[in-house]
Amino acid sequence: MNNNEEVLSIVFKISDEIEYEVDKEGIVTILEKQDHKVQSFFRKLKFKIPMYKKVTLDAYSSYVFLQIDGKKTVKEIGENLELKYGQESHPLYERLLLFLNHIEVNCNYIEKLSI
């Protein structure tokens, strides 16, 4: 990435592999499937291992996550975030990009569509 304009023009989409729920307050809970071979083996031995690990996002993260639709750029998501949260969202793009990078690289919840 050479400049800020390139970074702000990135578009993300939610990964097809991810399942999630949204409650009536707009809070997102990510359901991570627990289907490792070891987990399956212990399930057969009647150990109580849940099929999903649930990760509940806070209101701020949930709002950002629900903005990711495969059409909005990082800049548009940031603008919507500032409209909703105002000064509370600052430093806006530093926080937003850090969060997006984390859920893309570490969690694999989202995928980059364009640069």
N, C-alpha and C. Protein backbone atom coordinates (compact mmCIF):
# COMPACT_ATOMS: atom_id res chain seq x y z
N MET A 1 0.85 -1.18 0.00
CA MET A 1 0.00 0.00 0.00
C MET A 1 0.90 1.24 0.00
N ASN A 2 0.72 2.04 -1.00
CA ASN A 2 1.57 3.21 -1.13
C ASN A 2 1.07 4.42 -0.37
N ASN A 3 -0.24 4.62 -0.33
CA ASN A 3 -0.73 5.82 0.32
C ASN A 3 -2.05 5.56 1.03
N ASN A 4 -2.48 6.58 1.75
CA ASN A 4 -3.72 6.47 2.53
C ASN A 4 -4.94 6.23 1.65
N GLU A 5 -4.95 6.82 0.46
CA GLU A 5 -6.11 6.68 -0.43
C GLU A 5 -6.32 5.22 -0.83
N GLU A 6 -5.21 4.50 -1.06
CA GLU A 6 -5.32 3.08 -1.40
C GLU A 6 -5.91 2.29 -0.24
N VAL A 7 -5.45 2.58 0.97
CA VAL A 7 -5.93 1.87 2.16
C VAL A 7 -7.41 2.15 2.37
N LEU A 8 -7.82 3.39 2.19
CA LEU A 8 -9.22 3.76 2.42
C LEU A 8 -10.15 3.23 1.34
N SER A 9 -9.60 2.79 0.21
CA SER A 9 -10.44 2.27 -0.86
C SER A 9 -10.59 0.74 -0.83
N ILE A 10 -10.02 0.09 0.18
CA ILE A 10 -10.16 -1.36 0.32
C ILE A 10 -11.61 -1.71 0.64
N VAL A 11 -12.09 -2.78 0.03
CA VAL A 11 -13.44 -3.29 0.30
C VAL A 11 -13.30 -4.70 0.89
N PHE A 12 -14.00 -4.95 1.98
CA PHE A 12 -13.99 -6.27 2.62
C PHE A 12 -15.36 -6.91 2.51
N LYS A 13 -15.38 -8.23 2.61
CA LYS A 13 -16.64 -8.96 2.73
C LYS A 13 -16.48 -9.95 3.87
N ILE A 14 -17.60 -10.33 4.48
CA ILE A 14 -17.57 -11.32 5.53
C ILE A 14 -17.30 -12.68 4.89
N SER A 15 -16.41 -13.44 5.48
CA SER A 15 -16.04 -14.74 4.95
C SER A 15 -17.25 -15.67 4.87
N ASP A 16 -17.31 -16.46 3.81
CA ASP A 16 -18.40 -17.42 3.64
C ASP A 16 -18.33 -18.54 4.68
N GLU A 17 -17.15 -18.71 5.29
CA GLU A 17 -16.95 -19.77 6.27
C GLU A 17 -17.49 -19.40 7.65
N ILE A 18 -17.81 -18.14 7.86
CA ILE A 18 -18.20 -17.65 9.18
C ILE A 18 -19.71 -17.67 9.36
N GLU A 19 -20.12 -18.16 10.53
CA GLU A 19 -21.53 -18.08 10.92
C GLU A 19 -21.60 -17.08 12.06
N TYR A 20 -22.66 -16.29 12.07
CA TYR A 20 -22.82 -15.32 13.15
C TYR A 20 -24.29 -15.04 13.40
N GLU A 21 -24.55 -14.54 14.60
CA GLU A 21 -25.90 -14.16 15.00
C GLU A 21 -25.88 -12.69 15.39
N VAL A 22 -27.01 -12.02 15.19
CA VAL A 22 -27.15 -10.63 15.60
C VAL A 22 -28.36 -10.56 16.52
N ASP A 23 -28.16 -10.03 17.75
CA ASP A 23 -29.31 -9.92 18.66
C ASP A 23 -30.09 -8.64 18.38
N LYS A 24 -31.17 -8.42 19.13
CA LYS A 24 -32.03 -7.27 18.86
C LYS A 24 -31.37 -5.93 19.15
N GLU A 25 -30.28 -5.92 19.93
CA GLU A 25 -29.53 -4.68 20.16
C GLU A 25 -28.44 -4.44 19.11
N GLY A 26 -28.31 -5.36 18.17
CA GLY A 26 -27.30 -5.22 17.12
C GLY A 26 -25.93 -5.76 17.50
N ILE A 27 -25.87 -6.56 18.58
CA ILE A 27 -24.60 -7.15 19.01
C ILE A 27 -24.39 -8.46 18.24
N VAL A 28 -23.19 -8.59 17.68
CA VAL A 28 -22.84 -9.75 16.86
C VAL A 28 -22.14 -10.81 17.72
N THR A 29 -22.56 -12.05 17.54
CA THR A 29 -21.87 -13.18 18.15
C THR A 29 -21.39 -14.08 17.02
N ILE A 30 -20.08 -14.24 16.94
CA ILE A 30 -19.46 -15.09 15.92
C ILE A 30 -19.50 -16.53 16.44
N LEU A 31 -19.89 -17.45 15.58
CA LEU A 31 -19.92 -18.87 15.94
C LEU A 31 -18.78 -19.57 15.20
N GLU A 32 -17.72 -19.91 15.94
CA GLU A 32 -16.58 -20.59 15.33
C GLU A 32 -16.76 -22.09 15.50
N LYS A 33 -16.85 -22.80 14.40
CA LYS A 33 -17.07 -24.25 14.44
C LYS A 33 -15.85 -24.94 15.05
N GLN A 34 -16.11 -25.85 15.98
CA GLN A 34 -15.05 -26.61 16.64
C GLN A 34 -15.03 -28.01 16.04
N ASP A 35 -14.38 -28.16 14.89
CA ASP A 35 -14.42 -29.45 14.20
C ASP A 35 -13.04 -30.05 13.96
N HIS A 36 -12.13 -29.79 14.88
CA HIS A 36 -10.80 -30.38 14.79
C HIS A 36 -10.90 -31.88 15.03
N LYS A 37 -9.98 -32.65 14.48
CA LYS A 37 -9.99 -34.11 14.63
C LYS A 37 -9.99 -34.54 16.10
N VAL A 38 -9.20 -33.85 16.92
CA VAL A 38 -9.11 -34.19 18.34
C VAL A 38 -10.45 -33.94 19.03
N GLN A 39 -11.09 -32.83 18.69
CA GLN A 39 -12.39 -32.52 19.29
C GLN A 39 -13.43 -33.57 18.89
N SER A 40 -13.43 -33.97 17.65
CA SER A 40 -14.36 -34.99 17.18
C SER A 40 -14.12 -36.32 17.90
N PHE A 41 -12.87 -36.67 18.09
CA PHE A 41 -12.52 -37.90 18.79
C PHE A 41 -13.09 -37.88 20.22
N PHE A 42 -12.86 -36.78 20.93
CA PHE A 42 -13.34 -36.71 22.31
C PHE A 42 -14.87 -36.65 22.39
N ARG A 43 -15.52 -36.09 21.37
CA ARG A 43 -16.98 -36.12 21.33
C ARG A 43 -17.49 -37.56 21.25
N LYS A 44 -16.79 -38.38 20.46
CA LYS A 44 -17.18 -39.79 20.33
C LYS A 44 -17.03 -40.53 21.66
N LEU A 45 -16.11 -40.05 22.50
CA LEU A 45 -15.91 -40.65 23.83
C LEU A 45 -16.86 -40.04 24.86
N LYS A 46 -17.85 -39.28 24.36
CA LYS A 46 -18.91 -38.67 25.18
C LYS A 46 -18.45 -37.49 26.03
N PHE A 47 -17.32 -36.87 25.68
CA PHE A 47 -16.93 -35.63 26.34
C PHE A 47 -17.83 -34.52 25.82
N LYS A 48 -18.18 -33.60 26.68
CA LYS A 48 -19.07 -32.50 26.29
C LYS A 48 -18.24 -31.34 25.75
N ILE A 49 -18.01 -31.40 24.47
CA ILE A 49 -17.27 -30.34 23.77
C ILE A 49 -18.26 -29.66 22.84
N PRO A 50 -18.49 -28.36 23.02
CA PRO A 50 -19.48 -27.68 22.18
C PRO A 50 -19.06 -27.67 20.71
N MET A 51 -20.05 -27.70 19.83
CA MET A 51 -19.78 -27.65 18.39
C MET A 51 -19.28 -26.28 17.95
N TYR A 52 -19.64 -25.25 18.71
CA TYR A 52 -19.23 -23.89 18.35
C TYR A 52 -18.63 -23.17 19.55
N LYS A 53 -17.61 -22.37 19.25
CA LYS A 53 -17.09 -21.42 20.23
C LYS A 53 -17.75 -20.10 19.89
N LYS A 54 -18.32 -19.44 20.89
CA LYS A 54 -19.02 -18.18 20.65
C LYS A 54 -18.15 -17.01 21.06
N VAL A 55 -17.98 -16.07 20.14
CA VAL A 55 -17.21 -14.85 20.39
C VAL A 55 -18.18 -13.68 20.22
N THR A 56 -18.48 -12.98 21.31
CA THR A 56 -19.41 -11.86 21.26
C THR A 56 -18.63 -10.55 21.13
N LEU A 57 -18.96 -9.78 20.12
CA LEU A 57 -18.31 -8.49 19.89
C LEU A 57 -19.01 -7.41 20.71
N ASP A 58 -18.28 -6.34 21.02
CA ASP A 58 -18.91 -5.22 21.71
C ASP A 58 -19.71 -4.39 20.70
N ALA A 59 -20.39 -3.37 21.18
CA ALA A 59 -21.27 -2.58 20.31
C ALA A 59 -20.51 -1.93 19.16
N TYR A 60 -19.35 -1.37 19.45
CA TYR A 60 -18.52 -0.69 18.45
C TYR A 60 -18.09 -1.68 17.36
N SER A 61 -17.53 -2.82 17.78
CA SER A 61 -17.06 -3.84 16.84
C SER A 61 -18.22 -4.44 16.05
N SER A 62 -19.35 -4.65 16.72
CA SER A 62 -20.53 -5.19 16.04
C SER A 62 -20.99 -4.25 14.94
N TYR A 63 -20.99 -2.94 15.24
CA TYR A 63 -21.41 -1.96 14.24
C TYR A 63 -20.50 -2.02 13.02
N VAL A 64 -19.18 -2.08 13.26
CA VAL A 64 -18.24 -2.16 12.14
C VAL A 64 -18.45 -3.46 11.37
N PHE A 65 -18.57 -4.57 12.09
CA PHE A 65 -18.74 -5.88 11.44
C PHE A 65 -19.97 -5.88 10.53
N LEU A 66 -21.06 -5.30 10.99
CA LEU A 66 -22.29 -5.28 10.20
C LEU A 66 -22.22 -4.31 9.02
N GLN A 67 -21.25 -3.40 9.02
CA GLN A 67 -21.05 -2.49 7.90
C GLN A 67 -20.31 -3.18 6.74
N ILE A 68 -19.64 -4.28 7.04
CA ILE A 68 -18.85 -5.00 6.03
C ILE A 68 -19.81 -5.79 5.16
N ASP A 69 -19.99 -5.32 3.92
CA ASP A 69 -21.00 -5.94 3.04
C ASP A 69 -20.48 -6.25 1.65
N GLY A 70 -19.18 -6.09 1.43
CA GLY A 70 -18.63 -6.36 0.11
C GLY A 70 -18.78 -5.20 -0.85
N LYS A 71 -19.35 -4.08 -0.38
CA LYS A 71 -19.55 -2.90 -1.22
C LYS A 71 -18.90 -1.65 -0.62
N LYS A 72 -19.02 -1.50 0.68
CA LYS A 72 -18.50 -0.29 1.34
C LYS A 72 -16.98 -0.34 1.45
N THR A 73 -16.36 0.80 1.18
CA THR A 73 -14.92 0.92 1.35
C THR A 73 -14.62 1.20 2.83
N VAL A 74 -13.35 1.08 3.18
CA VAL A 74 -12.93 1.41 4.55
C VAL A 74 -13.30 2.85 4.87
N LYS A 75 -13.16 3.74 3.89
CA LYS A 75 -13.50 5.15 4.10
C LYS A 75 -14.98 5.31 4.43
N GLU A 76 -15.85 4.63 3.68
CA GLU A 76 -17.29 4.72 3.93
C GLU A 76 -17.66 4.16 5.30
N ILE A 77 -17.04 3.05 5.67
CA ILE A 77 -17.30 2.46 6.99
C ILE A 77 -16.87 3.45 8.07
N GLY A 78 -15.71 4.07 7.88
CA GLY A 78 -15.22 5.07 8.83
C GLY A 78 -16.15 6.26 8.95
N GLU A 79 -16.67 6.73 7.82
CA GLU A 79 -17.60 7.86 7.85
C GLU A 79 -18.87 7.50 8.61
N ASN A 80 -19.41 6.30 8.39
CA ASN A 80 -20.60 5.85 9.11
C ASN A 80 -20.33 5.71 10.60
N LEU A 81 -19.14 5.24 10.92
CA LEU A 81 -18.74 5.07 12.31
C LEU A 81 -18.66 6.43 13.01
N GLU A 82 -18.12 7.42 12.32
CA GLU A 82 -18.01 8.75 12.90
C GLU A 82 -19.39 9.38 13.09
N LEU A 83 -20.30 9.14 12.15
CA LEU A 83 -21.66 9.66 12.30
C LEU A 83 -22.34 9.07 13.53
N LYS A 84 -22.13 7.78 13.76
CA LYS A 84 -22.79 7.11 14.88
C LYS A 84 -22.13 7.42 16.22
N TYR A 85 -20.80 7.39 16.27
CA TYR A 85 -20.08 7.50 17.54
C TYR A 85 -19.38 8.83 17.77
N GLY A 86 -19.27 9.67 16.74
CA GLY A 86 -18.65 10.99 16.90
C GLY A 86 -17.22 10.90 17.41
N GLN A 87 -16.89 11.79 18.36
CA GLN A 87 -15.53 11.88 18.91
C GLN A 87 -15.10 10.58 19.60
N GLU A 88 -16.06 9.82 20.07
CA GLU A 88 -15.77 8.55 20.75
C GLU A 88 -15.02 7.58 19.83
N SER A 89 -15.18 7.74 18.53
CA SER A 89 -14.55 6.84 17.56
C SER A 89 -13.12 7.24 17.21
N HIS A 90 -12.64 8.35 17.72
CA HIS A 90 -11.31 8.83 17.36
C HIS A 90 -10.24 8.22 18.24
N PRO A 91 -9.04 7.96 17.71
CA PRO A 91 -8.58 8.16 16.33
C PRO A 91 -9.25 7.16 15.39
N LEU A 92 -10.04 7.67 14.50
CA LEU A 92 -10.98 6.89 13.71
C LEU A 92 -10.33 5.80 12.86
N TYR A 93 -9.54 6.19 11.88
CA TYR A 93 -9.03 5.21 10.93
C TYR A 93 -7.94 4.33 11.53
N GLU A 94 -7.20 4.84 12.51
CA GLU A 94 -6.19 4.00 13.17
C GLU A 94 -6.87 2.84 13.88
N ARG A 95 -7.94 3.12 14.62
CA ARG A 95 -8.67 2.07 15.33
C ARG A 95 -9.38 1.14 14.35
N LEU A 96 -10.02 1.72 13.35
CA LEU A 96 -10.77 0.93 12.37
C LEU A 96 -9.85 -0.03 11.62
N LEU A 97 -8.74 0.47 11.13
CA LEU A 97 -7.81 -0.37 10.37
C LEU A 97 -7.18 -1.45 11.24
N LEU A 98 -6.90 -1.13 12.49
CA LEU A 98 -6.36 -2.12 13.41
C LEU A 98 -7.36 -3.26 13.61
N PHE A 99 -8.62 -2.90 13.83
CA PHE A 99 -9.67 -3.90 14.02
C PHE A 99 -9.87 -4.74 12.76
N LEU A 100 -9.98 -4.08 11.60
CA LEU A 100 -10.17 -4.81 10.34
C LEU A 100 -9.01 -5.75 10.06
N ASN A 101 -7.79 -5.29 10.31
CA ASN A 101 -6.62 -6.14 10.11
C ASN A 101 -6.68 -7.36 11.03
N HIS A 102 -7.07 -7.14 12.28
CA HIS A 102 -7.14 -8.24 13.25
C HIS A 102 -8.17 -9.29 12.82
N ILE A 103 -9.37 -8.85 12.46
CA ILE A 103 -10.40 -9.84 12.10
C ILE A 103 -10.15 -10.46 10.73
N GLU A 104 -9.29 -9.84 9.92
CA GLU A 104 -8.93 -10.46 8.64
C GLU A 104 -7.78 -11.45 8.83
N VAL A 105 -6.68 -11.00 9.41
CA VAL A 105 -5.46 -11.79 9.48
C VAL A 105 -5.51 -12.84 10.59
N ASN A 106 -5.91 -12.45 11.79
CA ASN A 106 -5.86 -13.36 12.93
C ASN A 106 -7.10 -14.25 13.06
N CYS A 107 -8.26 -13.72 12.73
CA CYS A 107 -9.52 -14.45 12.95
C CYS A 107 -10.10 -15.05 11.68
N ASN A 108 -9.73 -14.51 10.53
CA ASN A 108 -10.28 -14.95 9.23
C ASN A 108 -11.79 -14.77 9.13
N TYR A 109 -12.32 -13.72 9.77
CA TYR A 109 -13.75 -13.43 9.71
C TYR A 109 -14.12 -12.70 8.42
N ILE A 110 -13.16 -11.95 7.85
CA ILE A 110 -13.44 -11.16 6.65
C ILE A 110 -12.36 -11.42 5.60
N GLU A 111 -12.68 -11.05 4.36
CA GLU A 111 -11.75 -11.21 3.25
C GLU A 111 -11.69 -9.89 2.47
N LYS A 112 -10.50 -9.60 1.98
CA LYS A 112 -10.29 -8.40 1.17
C LYS A 112 -10.79 -8.67 -0.24
N LEU A 113 -11.62 -7.78 -0.78
CA LEU A 113 -12.11 -7.94 -2.15
C LEU A 113 -11.29 -7.14 -3.14
N SER A 114 -10.89 -5.93 -2.74
CA SER A 114 -10.14 -5.10 -3.68
C SER A 114 -9.18 -4.20 -2.93
N ILE A 115 -8.18 -3.77 -3.66
CA ILE A 115 -7.18 -2.85 -3.09
C ILE A 115 -7.14 -1.61 -3.95
